[in-house]
All heavy atoms as atom14 arrays in JSON, in Angstrom:
{
  "sequence": "ILAAEVETAMKKMLDEIEKTKRRVNALEFKLLPDLYEAQEYIEQKLEE",
  "atom14_mask": [
    [1, 1, 1, 1, 1, 1, 1, 1, 0, 0, 0, 0, 0, 0],
    [1, 1, 1, 1, 1, 1, 1, 1, 0, 0, 0, 0, 0, 0],
    [1, 1, 1, 1, 1, 0, 0, 0, 0, 0, 0, 0, 0, 0],
    [1, 1, 1, 1, 1, 0, 0, 0, 0, 0, 0, 0, 0, 0],
    [1, 1, 1, 1, 1, 1, 1, 1, 1, 0, 0, 0, 0, 0],
    [1, 1, 1, 1, 1, 1, 1, 0, 0, 0, 0, 0, 0, 0],
    [1, 1, 1, 1, 1, 1, 1, 1, 1, 0, 0, 0, 0, 0],
    [1, 1, 1, 1, 1, 1, 1, 0, 0, 0, 0, 0, 0, 0],
    [1, 1, 1, 1, 1, 0, 0, 0, 0, 0, 0, 0, 0, 0],
    [1, 1, 1, 1, 1, 1, 1, 1, 0, 0, 0, 0, 0, 0],
    [1, 1, 1, 1, 1, 1, 1, 1, 1, 0, 0, 0, 0, 0],
    [1, 1, 1, 1, 1, 1, 1, 1, 1, 0, 0, 0, 0, 0],
    [1, 1, 1, 1, 1, 1, 1, 1, 0, 0, 0, 0, 0, 0],
    [1, 1, 1, 1, 1, 1, 1, 1, 0, 0, 0, 0, 0, 0],
    [1, 1, 1, 1, 1, 1, 1, 1, 0, 0, 0, 0, 0, 0],
    [1, 1, 1, 1, 1, 1, 1, 1, 1, 0, 0, 0, 0, 0],
    [1, 1, 1, 1, 1, 1, 1, 1, 0, 0, 0, 0, 0, 0],
    [1, 1, 1, 1, 1, 1, 1, 1, 1, 0, 0, 0, 0, 0],
    [1, 1, 1, 1, 1, 1, 1, 1, 1, 0, 0, 0, 0, 0],
    [1, 1, 1, 1, 1, 1, 1, 0, 0, 0, 0, 0, 0, 0],
    [1, 1, 1, 1, 1, 1, 1, 1, 1, 0, 0, 0, 0, 0],
    [1, 1, 1, 1, 1, 1, 1, 1, 1, 1, 1, 0, 0, 0],
    [1, 1, 1, 1, 1, 1, 1, 1, 1, 1, 1, 0, 0, 0],
    [1, 1, 1, 1, 1, 1, 1, 0, 0, 0, 0, 0, 0, 0],
    [1, 1, 1, 1, 1, 1, 1, 1, 0, 0, 0, 0, 0, 0],
    [1, 1, 1, 1, 1, 0, 0, 0, 0, 0, 0, 0, 0, 0],
    [1, 1, 1, 1, 1, 1, 1, 1, 0, 0, 0, 0, 0, 0],
    [1, 1, 1, 1, 1, 1, 1, 1, 1, 0, 0, 0, 0, 0],
    [1, 1, 1, 1, 1, 1, 1, 1, 1, 1, 1, 0, 0, 0],
    [1, 1, 1, 1, 1, 1, 1, 1, 1, 0, 0, 0, 0, 0],
    [1, 1, 1, 1, 1, 1, 1, 1, 0, 0, 0, 0, 0, 0],
    [1, 1, 1, 1, 1, 1, 1, 1, 0, 0, 0, 0, 0, 0],
    [1, 1, 1, 1, 1, 1, 1, 0, 0, 0, 0, 0, 0, 0],
    [1, 1, 1, 1, 1, 1, 1, 1, 0, 0, 0, 0, 0, 0],
    [1, 1, 1, 1, 1, 1, 1, 1, 0, 0, 0, 0, 0, 0],
    [1, 1, 1, 1, 1, 1, 1, 1, 1, 1, 1, 1, 0, 0],
    [1, 1, 1, 1, 1, 1, 1, 1, 1, 0, 0, 0, 0, 0],
    [1, 1, 1, 1, 1, 0, 0, 0, 0, 0, 0, 0, 0, 0],
    [1, 1, 1, 1, 1, 1, 1, 1, 1, 0, 0, 0, 0, 0],
    [1, 1, 1, 1, 1, 1, 1, 1, 1, 0, 0, 0, 0, 0],
    [1, 1, 1, 1, 1, 1, 1, 1, 1, 1, 1, 1, 0, 0],
    [1, 1, 1, 1, 1, 1, 1, 1, 0, 0, 0, 0, 0, 0],
    [1, 1, 1, 1, 1, 1, 1, 1, 1, 0, 0, 0, 0, 0],
    [1, 1, 1, 1, 1, 1, 1, 1, 1, 0, 0, 0, 0, 0],
    [1, 1, 1, 1, 1, 1, 1, 1, 1, 0, 0, 0, 0, 0],
    [1, 1, 1, 1, 1, 1, 1, 1, 0, 0, 0, 0, 0, 0],
    [1, 1, 1, 1, 1, 1, 1, 1, 1, 0, 0, 0, 0, 0],
    [1, 1, 1, 1, 1, 1, 1, 1, 1, 0, 0, 0, 0, 0]
  ],
  "atom14_positions": [
    [[-29.58, -10.74, 40.2], [-30.17, -12.07, 40.02], [-29.27, -12.95, 39.14], [-29.01, -14.12, 39.46], [-31.58, -11.95, 39.41], [-32.53, -11.28, 40.4], [-32.11, -13.33, 39.0], [-33.87, -10.89, 39.81], [0.0, 0.0, 0.0], [0.0, 0.0, 0.0], [0.0, 0.0, 0.0], [0.0, 0.0, 0.0], [0.0, 0.0, 0.0], [0.0, 0.0, 0.0]],
    [[-28.77, -12.36, 38.04], [-27.89, -13.12, 37.16], [-26.58, -13.48, 37.87], [-26.07, -14.6, 37.75], [-27.6, -12.31, 35.9], [-26.68, -12.98, 34.87], [-27.25, -14.33, 34.41], [-26.46, -12.07, 33.67], [0.0, 0.0, 0.0], [0.0, 0.0, 0.0], [0.0, 0.0, 0.0], [0.0, 0.0, 0.0], [0.0, 0.0, 0.0], [0.0, 0.0, 0.0]],
    [[-26.04, -12.53, 38.66], [-24.81, -12.79, 39.39], [-25.01, -13.91, 40.4], [-24.13, -14.77, 40.6], [-24.33, -11.53, 40.08], [0.0, 0.0, 0.0], [0.0, 0.0, 0.0], [0.0, 0.0, 0.0], [0.0, 0.0, 0.0], [0.0, 0.0, 0.0], [0.0, 0.0, 0.0], [0.0, 0.0, 0.0], [0.0, 0.0, 0.0], [0.0, 0.0, 0.0]],
    [[-26.16, -13.92, 41.06], [-26.44, -14.98, 42.04], [-26.48, -16.34, 41.37], [-25.94, -17.32, 41.91], [-27.77, -14.69, 42.73], [0.0, 0.0, 0.0], [0.0, 0.0, 0.0], [0.0, 0.0, 0.0], [0.0, 0.0, 0.0], [0.0, 0.0, 0.0], [0.0, 0.0, 0.0], [0.0, 0.0, 0.0], [0.0, 0.0, 0.0], [0.0, 0.0, 0.0]],
    [[-27.09, -16.41, 40.19], [-27.16, -17.68, 39.47], [-25.77, -18.15, 39.03], [-25.38, -19.29, 39.27], [-28.05, -17.52, 38.24], [-28.11, -18.76, 37.36], [-28.97, -18.57, 36.12], [-30.01, -17.88, 36.22], [-28.58, -19.09, 35.06], [0.0, 0.0, 0.0], [0.0, 0.0, 0.0], [0.0, 0.0, 0.0], [0.0, 0.0, 0.0], [0.0, 0.0, 0.0]],
    [[-25.01, -17.23, 38.44], [-23.7, -17.61, 37.89], [-22.72, -17.96, 38.99], [-22.0, -18.96, 38.93], [-23.15, -16.48, 37.0], [-21.72, -16.77, 36.58], [-24.03, -16.29, 35.77], [0.0, 0.0, 0.0], [0.0, 0.0, 0.0], [0.0, 0.0, 0.0], [0.0, 0.0, 0.0], [0.0, 0.0, 0.0], [0.0, 0.0, 0.0], [0.0, 0.0, 0.0]],
    [[-22.67, -17.16, 40.04], [-21.68, -17.39, 41.09], [-22.04, -18.61, 41.94], [-21.13, -19.3, 42.43], [-21.53, -16.14, 41.96], [-20.93, -14.98, 41.17], [-20.5, -13.82, 42.05], [-20.51, -13.97, 43.29], [-20.13, -12.78, 41.49], [0.0, 0.0, 0.0], [0.0, 0.0, 0.0], [0.0, 0.0, 0.0], [0.0, 0.0, 0.0], [0.0, 0.0, 0.0]],
    [[-23.32, -18.9, 42.11], [-23.7, -20.13, 42.81], [-23.3, -21.35, 41.98], [-22.79, -22.34, 42.52], [-25.21, -20.15, 43.08], [-25.58, -19.01, 43.86], [-25.6, -21.41, 43.85], [0.0, 0.0, 0.0], [0.0, 0.0, 0.0], [0.0, 0.0, 0.0], [0.0, 0.0, 0.0], [0.0, 0.0, 0.0], [0.0, 0.0, 0.0], [0.0, 0.0, 0.0]],
    [[-23.54, -21.27, 40.66], [-23.13, -22.37, 39.78], [-21.61, -22.54, 39.82], [-21.1, -23.67, 39.87], [-23.59, -22.09, 38.35], [0.0, 0.0, 0.0], [0.0, 0.0, 0.0], [0.0, 0.0, 0.0], [0.0, 0.0, 0.0], [0.0, 0.0, 0.0], [0.0, 0.0, 0.0], [0.0, 0.0, 0.0], [0.0, 0.0, 0.0], [0.0, 0.0, 0.0]],
    [[-20.89, -21.43, 39.84], [-19.44, -21.5, 39.88], [-18.95, -22.16, 41.16], [-18.04, -23.0, 41.14], [-18.86, -20.08, 39.77], [-17.35, -20.03, 39.65], [-16.74, -18.36, 39.29], [-17.27, -17.49, 40.77], [0.0, 0.0, 0.0], [0.0, 0.0, 0.0], [0.0, 0.0, 0.0], [0.0, 0.0, 0.0], [0.0, 0.0, 0.0], [0.0, 0.0, 0.0]],
    [[-19.57, -21.82, 42.29], [-19.18, -22.42, 43.57], [-19.46, -23.92, 43.59], [-18.63, -24.72, 44.05], [-19.91, -21.73, 44.72], [-19.5, -22.25, 46.09], [-20.24, -21.54, 47.2], [-19.77, -22.03, 48.57], [-19.92, -23.49, 48.75], [0.0, 0.0, 0.0], [0.0, 0.0, 0.0], [0.0, 0.0, 0.0], [0.0, 0.0, 0.0], [0.0, 0.0, 0.0]],
    [[-20.63, -24.32, 43.08], [-20.97, -25.74, 43.05], [-20.01, -26.5, 42.13], [-19.59, -27.63, 42.45], [-22.42, -25.92, 42.58], [-23.45, -25.58, 43.65], [-24.86, -25.82, 43.13], [-25.88, -25.69, 44.25], [-25.81, -26.82, 45.2], [0.0, 0.0, 0.0], [0.0, 0.0, 0.0], [0.0, 0.0, 0.0], [0.0, 0.0, 0.0], [0.0, 0.0, 0.0]],
    [[-19.67, -25.92, 40.99], [-18.72, -26.57, 40.09], [-17.36, -26.72, 40.74], [-16.7, -27.76, 40.63], [-18.61, -25.76, 38.79], [-19.87, -25.74, 37.94], [-20.25, -27.35, 37.21], [-18.94, -27.5, 36.01], [0.0, 0.0, 0.0], [0.0, 0.0, 0.0], [0.0, 0.0, 0.0], [0.0, 0.0, 0.0], [0.0, 0.0, 0.0], [0.0, 0.0, 0.0]],
    [[-16.92, -25.66, 41.44], [-15.61, -25.7, 42.1], [-15.59, -26.77, 43.19], [-14.6, -27.51, 43.33], [-15.29, -24.33, 42.68], [-13.89, -24.17, 43.29], [-12.81, -24.46, 42.26], [-13.71, -22.77, 43.86], [0.0, 0.0, 0.0], [0.0, 0.0, 0.0], [0.0, 0.0, 0.0], [0.0, 0.0, 0.0], [0.0, 0.0, 0.0], [0.0, 0.0, 0.0]],
    [[-16.67, -26.88, 43.95], [-16.76, -27.91, 44.99], [-16.67, -29.3, 44.38], [-15.99, -30.19, 44.91], [-18.06, -27.77, 45.78], [-18.08, -26.53, 46.67], [-16.99, -25.97, 46.92], [-19.18, -26.12, 47.1], [0.0, 0.0, 0.0], [0.0, 0.0, 0.0], [0.0, 0.0, 0.0], [0.0, 0.0, 0.0], [0.0, 0.0, 0.0], [0.0, 0.0, 0.0]],
    [[-17.36, -29.5, 43.25], [-17.34, -30.82, 42.6], [-15.96, -31.12, 42.02], [-15.51, -32.28, 42.06], [-18.4, -30.86, 41.5], [-18.59, -32.22, 40.85], [-19.16, -33.26, 41.8], [-19.77, -32.88, 42.82], [-18.99, -34.47, 41.52], [0.0, 0.0, 0.0], [0.0, 0.0, 0.0], [0.0, 0.0, 0.0], [0.0, 0.0, 0.0], [0.0, 0.0, 0.0]],
    [[-15.3, -30.1, 41.48], [-13.94, -30.3, 40.96], [-13.01, -30.75, 42.09], [-12.22, -31.69, 41.93], [-13.41, -29.01, 40.31], [-14.14, -28.75, 38.99], [-11.91, -29.09, 40.05], [-13.86, -27.38, 38.39], [0.0, 0.0, 0.0], [0.0, 0.0, 0.0], [0.0, 0.0, 0.0], [0.0, 0.0, 0.0], [0.0, 0.0, 0.0], [0.0, 0.0, 0.0]],
    [[-13.09, -30.07, 43.23], [-12.23, -30.42, 44.37], [-12.52, -31.83, 44.85], [-11.6, -32.6, 45.17], [-12.42, -29.4, 45.51], [-11.88, -28.02, 45.2], [-10.38, -28.03, 44.91], [-9.65, -28.79, 45.57], [-9.95, -27.29, 44.01], [0.0, 0.0, 0.0], [0.0, 0.0, 0.0], [0.0, 0.0, 0.0], [0.0, 0.0, 0.0], [0.0, 0.0, 0.0]],
    [[-13.78, -32.19, 44.91], [-14.15, -33.54, 45.36], [-13.65, -34.59, 44.37], [-13.13, -35.63, 44.77], [-15.68, -33.63, 45.5], [-16.16, -34.98, 46.03], [-17.62, -34.92, 46.42], [-18.51, -34.75, 45.23], [-19.96, -34.81, 45.59], [0.0, 0.0, 0.0], [0.0, 0.0, 0.0], [0.0, 0.0, 0.0], [0.0, 0.0, 0.0], [0.0, 0.0, 0.0]],
    [[-13.79, -34.31, 43.08], [-13.32, -35.26, 42.06], [-11.8, -35.37, 42.09], [-11.25, -36.46, 41.95], [-13.78, -34.79, 40.67], [-15.22, -34.65, 40.66], [-13.42, -35.83, 39.6], [0.0, 0.0, 0.0], [0.0, 0.0, 0.0], [0.0, 0.0, 0.0], [0.0, 0.0, 0.0], [0.0, 0.0, 0.0], [0.0, 0.0, 0.0], [0.0, 0.0, 0.0]],
    [[-11.11, -34.25, 42.29], [-9.64, -34.28, 42.39], [-9.18, -35.12, 43.57], [-8.21, -35.87, 43.47], [-9.1, -32.85, 42.51], [-9.12, -32.07, 41.21], [-8.76, -30.62, 41.42], [-7.34, -30.44, 41.91], [-6.98, -29.0, 42.05], [0.0, 0.0, 0.0], [0.0, 0.0, 0.0], [0.0, 0.0, 0.0], [0.0, 0.0, 0.0], [0.0, 0.0, 0.0]],
    [[-9.88, -35.01, 44.69], [-9.52, -35.83, 45.86], [-9.69, -37.31, 45.57], [-8.87, -38.14, 45.99], [-10.36, -35.41, 47.08], [-9.95, -34.07, 47.68], [-10.55, -33.89, 49.06], [-12.01, -33.85, 49.02], [-12.7, -32.73, 48.89], [-12.1, -31.56, 48.78], [-14.04, -32.77, 48.86], [0.0, 0.0, 0.0], [0.0, 0.0, 0.0], [0.0, 0.0, 0.0]],
    [[-10.76, -37.65, 44.86], [-10.98, -39.06, 44.52], [-9.93, -39.57, 43.53], [-9.46, -40.7, 43.66], [-12.39, -39.22, 43.94], [-13.51, -38.95, 44.95], [-14.87, -38.95, 44.3], [-15.2, -40.27, 43.8], [-16.27, -40.53, 43.06], [-17.09, -39.54, 42.7], [-16.52, -41.75, 42.65], [0.0, 0.0, 0.0], [0.0, 0.0, 0.0], [0.0, 0.0, 0.0]],
    [[-9.56, -38.73, 42.56], [-8.51, -39.11, 41.61], [-7.2, -39.34, 42.35], [-6.49, -40.33, 42.12], [-8.34, -38.03, 40.53], [-7.08, -38.3, 39.7], [-9.56, -38.01, 39.6], [0.0, 0.0, 0.0], [0.0, 0.0, 0.0], [0.0, 0.0, 0.0], [0.0, 0.0, 0.0], [0.0, 0.0, 0.0], [0.0, 0.0, 0.0], [0.0, 0.0, 0.0]],
    [[-6.86, -38.41, 43.25], [-5.61, -38.53, 44.0], [-5.6, -39.74, 44.91], [-4.56, -40.39, 45.09], [-5.35, -37.26, 44.81], [-5.03, -36.06, 43.93], [-4.61, -36.22, 42.79], [-5.22, -34.86, 44.45], [0.0, 0.0, 0.0], [0.0, 0.0, 0.0], [0.0, 0.0, 0.0], [0.0, 0.0, 0.0], [0.0, 0.0, 0.0], [0.0, 0.0, 0.0]],
    [[-6.75, -40.04, 45.52], [-6.83, -41.21, 46.4], [-6.57, -42.49, 45.61], [-5.89, -43.4, 46.09], [-8.21, -41.26, 47.07], [0.0, 0.0, 0.0], [0.0, 0.0, 0.0], [0.0, 0.0, 0.0], [0.0, 0.0, 0.0], [0.0, 0.0, 0.0], [0.0, 0.0, 0.0], [0.0, 0.0, 0.0], [0.0, 0.0, 0.0], [0.0, 0.0, 0.0]],
    [[-7.12, -42.55, 44.4], [-6.88, -43.73, 43.56], [-5.44, -43.77, 43.07], [-4.78, -44.82, 43.11], [-7.82, -43.71, 42.35], [-9.28, -44.09, 42.61], [-10.14, -43.78, 41.4], [-9.4, -45.57, 42.97], [0.0, 0.0, 0.0], [0.0, 0.0, 0.0], [0.0, 0.0, 0.0], [0.0, 0.0, 0.0], [0.0, 0.0, 0.0], [0.0, 0.0, 0.0]],
    [[-4.94, -42.62, 42.63], [-3.62, -42.57, 41.99], [-2.47, -42.74, 42.98], [-1.47, -43.39, 42.66], [-3.48, -41.24, 41.24], [-2.2, -41.11, 40.45], [-2.19, -39.87, 39.57], [-3.26, -39.24, 39.39], [-1.11, -39.52, 39.07], [0.0, 0.0, 0.0], [0.0, 0.0, 0.0], [0.0, 0.0, 0.0], [0.0, 0.0, 0.0], [0.0, 0.0, 0.0]],
    [[-2.62, -42.18, 44.17], [-1.49, -42.15, 45.11], [-1.67, -43.07, 46.32], [-0.72, -43.21, 47.09], [-1.24, -40.71, 45.58], [-0.91, -39.77, 44.47], [-1.78, -38.76, 44.09], [0.29, -39.9, 43.77], [-1.48, -37.9, 43.05], [0.61, -39.04, 42.74], [-0.28, -38.03, 42.37], [0.0, 0.0, 0.0], [0.0, 0.0, 0.0], [0.0, 0.0, 0.0]],
    [[-2.86, -43.66, 46.48], [-3.05, -44.53, 47.64], [-3.53, -45.92, 47.22], [-2.82, -46.91, 47.42], [-4.05, -43.88, 48.6], [-4.4, -44.74, 49.8], [-3.16, -45.1, 50.63], [-3.53, -45.96, 51.83], [-2.33, -46.46, 52.53], [0.0, 0.0, 0.0], [0.0, 0.0, 0.0], [0.0, 0.0, 0.0], [0.0, 0.0, 0.0], [0.0, 0.0, 0.0]],
    [[-4.74, -46.0, 46.68], [-5.33, -47.31, 46.42], [-4.56, -48.1, 45.38], [-4.18, -49.26, 45.62], [-6.79, -47.15, 45.99], [-7.53, -48.46, 45.71], [-7.53, -49.36, 46.94], [-8.95, -48.2, 45.23], [0.0, 0.0, 0.0], [0.0, 0.0, 0.0], [0.0, 0.0, 0.0], [0.0, 0.0, 0.0], [0.0, 0.0, 0.0], [0.0, 0.0, 0.0]],
    [[-4.31, -47.5, 44.21], [-3.63, -48.23, 43.15], [-2.2, -48.63, 43.55], [-1.82, -49.78, 43.31], [-3.62, -47.41, 41.85], [-4.94, -47.46, 41.06], [-4.93, -46.43, 39.94], [-5.19, -48.85, 40.5], [0.0, 0.0, 0.0], [0.0, 0.0, 0.0], [0.0, 0.0, 0.0], [0.0, 0.0, 0.0], [0.0, 0.0, 0.0], [0.0, 0.0, 0.0]],
    [[-1.39, -47.75, 44.16], [-0.06, -48.21, 44.6], [-0.14, -49.37, 45.59], [0.68, -50.3, 45.52], [0.54, -46.96, 45.26], [-0.12, -45.82, 44.55], [-1.52, -46.28, 44.3], [0.0, 0.0, 0.0], [0.0, 0.0, 0.0], [0.0, 0.0, 0.0], [0.0, 0.0, 0.0], [0.0, 0.0, 0.0], [0.0, 0.0, 0.0], [0.0, 0.0, 0.0]],
    [[-1.11, -49.33, 46.5], [-1.27, -50.44, 47.44], [-1.63, -51.73, 46.72], [-1.12, -52.81, 47.05], [-2.35, -50.11, 48.47], [-1.88, -49.08, 49.5], [-0.66, -48.81, 49.54], [-2.73, -48.56, 50.24], [0.0, 0.0, 0.0], [0.0, 0.0, 0.0], [0.0, 0.0, 0.0], [0.0, 0.0, 0.0], [0.0, 0.0, 0.0], [0.0, 0.0, 0.0]],
    [[-2.5, -51.62, 45.72], [-2.9, -52.81, 44.96], [-1.74, -53.35, 44.13], [-1.53, -54.57, 44.06], [-4.09, -52.48, 44.05], [-5.43, -52.23, 44.76], [-6.48, -51.76, 43.77], [-5.92, -53.5, 45.46], [0.0, 0.0, 0.0], [0.0, 0.0, 0.0], [0.0, 0.0, 0.0], [0.0, 0.0, 0.0], [0.0, 0.0, 0.0], [0.0, 0.0, 0.0]],
    [[-0.97, -52.44, 43.51], [0.2, -52.89, 42.74], [1.21, -53.58, 43.66], [1.81, -54.6, 43.28], [0.87, -51.69, 42.06], [0.05, -51.04, 40.97], [0.08, -49.65, 40.77], [-0.74, -51.8, 40.12], [-0.67, -49.05, 39.77], [-1.5, -51.2, 39.12], [-1.44, -49.82, 38.96], [-2.18, -49.23, 37.96], [0.0, 0.0, 0.0], [0.0, 0.0, 0.0]],
    [[1.4, -53.02, 44.85], [2.34, -53.61, 45.8], [1.87, -55.0, 46.22], [2.67, -55.94, 46.3], [2.47, -52.7, 47.02], [3.46, -53.21, 48.06], [3.51, -52.33, 49.29], [2.82, -51.3, 49.31], [4.24, -52.7, 50.24], [0.0, 0.0, 0.0], [0.0, 0.0, 0.0], [0.0, 0.0, 0.0], [0.0, 0.0, 0.0], [0.0, 0.0, 0.0]],
    [[0.56, -55.13, 46.51], [0.02, -56.43, 46.9], [0.13, -57.43, 45.75], [0.46, -58.62, 45.98], [-1.44, -56.28, 47.32], [0.0, 0.0, 0.0], [0.0, 0.0, 0.0], [0.0, 0.0, 0.0], [0.0, 0.0, 0.0], [0.0, 0.0, 0.0], [0.0, 0.0, 0.0], [0.0, 0.0, 0.0], [0.0, 0.0, 0.0], [0.0, 0.0, 0.0]],
    [[-0.13, -56.97, 44.53], [0.0, -57.85, 43.36], [1.43, -58.35, 43.22], [1.66, -59.55, 43.02], [-0.42, -57.09, 42.1], [-0.34, -57.92, 40.83], [-0.57, -57.06, 39.58], [-0.21, -55.89, 39.56], [-1.18, -57.64, 38.58], [0.0, 0.0, 0.0], [0.0, 0.0, 0.0], [0.0, 0.0, 0.0], [0.0, 0.0, 0.0], [0.0, 0.0, 0.0]],
    [[2.4, -57.44, 43.33], [3.81, -57.82, 43.2], [4.22, -58.77, 44.32], [4.94, -59.75, 44.07], [4.68, -56.57, 43.23], [6.16, -56.84, 43.02], [6.99, -55.57, 43.02], [6.41, -54.48, 43.22], [8.21, -55.67, 42.82], [0.0, 0.0, 0.0], [0.0, 0.0, 0.0], [0.0, 0.0, 0.0], [0.0, 0.0, 0.0], [0.0, 0.0, 0.0]],
    [[3.75, -58.51, 45.54], [4.08, -59.37, 46.68], [3.57, -60.79, 46.46], [4.31, -61.77, 46.66], [3.47, -58.78, 47.94], [3.54, -59.68, 49.15], [4.73, -59.87, 49.84], [2.39, -60.34, 49.6], [4.79, -60.7, 50.95], [2.45, -61.17, 50.7], [3.64, -61.34, 51.38], [3.69, -62.17, 52.47], [0.0, 0.0, 0.0], [0.0, 0.0, 0.0]],
    [[2.31, -60.91, 46.03], [1.72, -62.24, 45.82], [2.45, -62.96, 44.68], [2.74, -64.16, 44.78], [0.21, -62.14, 45.53], [-0.52, -61.63, 46.77], [-0.35, -63.49, 45.1], [-2.01, -61.42, 46.56], [0.0, 0.0, 0.0], [0.0, 0.0, 0.0], [0.0, 0.0, 0.0], [0.0, 0.0, 0.0], [0.0, 0.0, 0.0], [0.0, 0.0, 0.0]],
    [[2.73, -62.23, 43.59], [3.42, -62.86, 42.46], [4.79, -63.38, 42.88], [5.2, -64.48, 42.49], [3.55, -61.86, 41.31], [2.23, -61.58, 40.61], [2.34, -60.49, 39.55], [3.34, -59.74, 39.58], [1.43, -60.38, 38.72], [0.0, 0.0, 0.0], [0.0, 0.0, 0.0], [0.0, 0.0, 0.0], [0.0, 0.0, 0.0], [0.0, 0.0, 0.0]],
    [[5.51, -62.59, 43.68], [6.83, -63.03, 44.15], [6.71, -64.26, 45.04], [7.49, -65.21, 44.9], [7.52, -61.89, 44.91], [7.99, -60.75, 44.03], [8.61, -59.62, 44.84], [8.51, -59.59, 46.08], [9.24, -58.68, 44.15], [0.0, 0.0, 0.0], [0.0, 0.0, 0.0], [0.0, 0.0, 0.0], [0.0, 0.0, 0.0], [0.0, 0.0, 0.0]],
    [[5.74, -64.24, 45.95], [5.55, -65.39, 46.84], [5.16, -66.64, 46.07], [5.63, -67.75, 46.37], [4.49, -65.06, 47.9], [4.95, -64.08, 48.96], [6.11, -64.64, 49.75], [6.57, -63.71, 50.84], [7.71, -64.25, 51.62], [0.0, 0.0, 0.0], [0.0, 0.0, 0.0], [0.0, 0.0, 0.0], [0.0, 0.0, 0.0], [0.0, 0.0, 0.0]],
    [[4.3, -66.47, 45.08], [3.88, -67.62, 44.27], [5.06, -68.17, 43.48], [5.2, -69.4, 43.32], [2.73, -67.23, 43.34], [1.38, -66.95, 44.02], [0.35, -66.5, 42.99], [0.87, -68.19, 44.75], [0.0, 0.0, 0.0], [0.0, 0.0, 0.0], [0.0, 0.0, 0.0], [0.0, 0.0, 0.0], [0.0, 0.0, 0.0], [0.0, 0.0, 0.0]],
    [[5.9, -67.28, 42.96], [7.09, -67.73, 42.24], [8.04, -68.48, 43.18], [8.62, -69.5, 42.8], [7.81, -66.53, 41.62], [7.07, -65.92, 40.43], [7.75, -64.67, 39.91], [8.81, -64.3, 40.46], [7.22, -64.05, 38.97], [0.0, 0.0, 0.0], [0.0, 0.0, 0.0], [0.0, 0.0, 0.0], [0.0, 0.0, 0.0], [0.0, 0.0, 0.0]],
    [[8.2, -67.97, 44.4], [9.04, -68.67, 45.37], [8.47, -70.05, 45.69], [9.22, -71.04, 45.77], [9.13, -67.85, 46.66], [9.96, -66.58, 46.53], [9.93, -65.75, 47.8], [9.38, -66.25, 48.81], [10.45, -64.62, 47.79], [0.0, 0.0, 0.0], [0.0, 0.0, 0.0], [0.0, 0.0, 0.0], [0.0, 0.0, 0.0], [0.0, 0.0, 0.0]]
  ]
}
């Protein structure tokens, strides 16, 4: 019974860690670089 409780909690925690890591990576390597690129593009065009 104790093993079932602990190992189920461990699996749920691991699933949440993986989901949170994917969200961090999506922001760090996709969304934010795209936003920085768009910001730089607009700033350059406005300066021109």
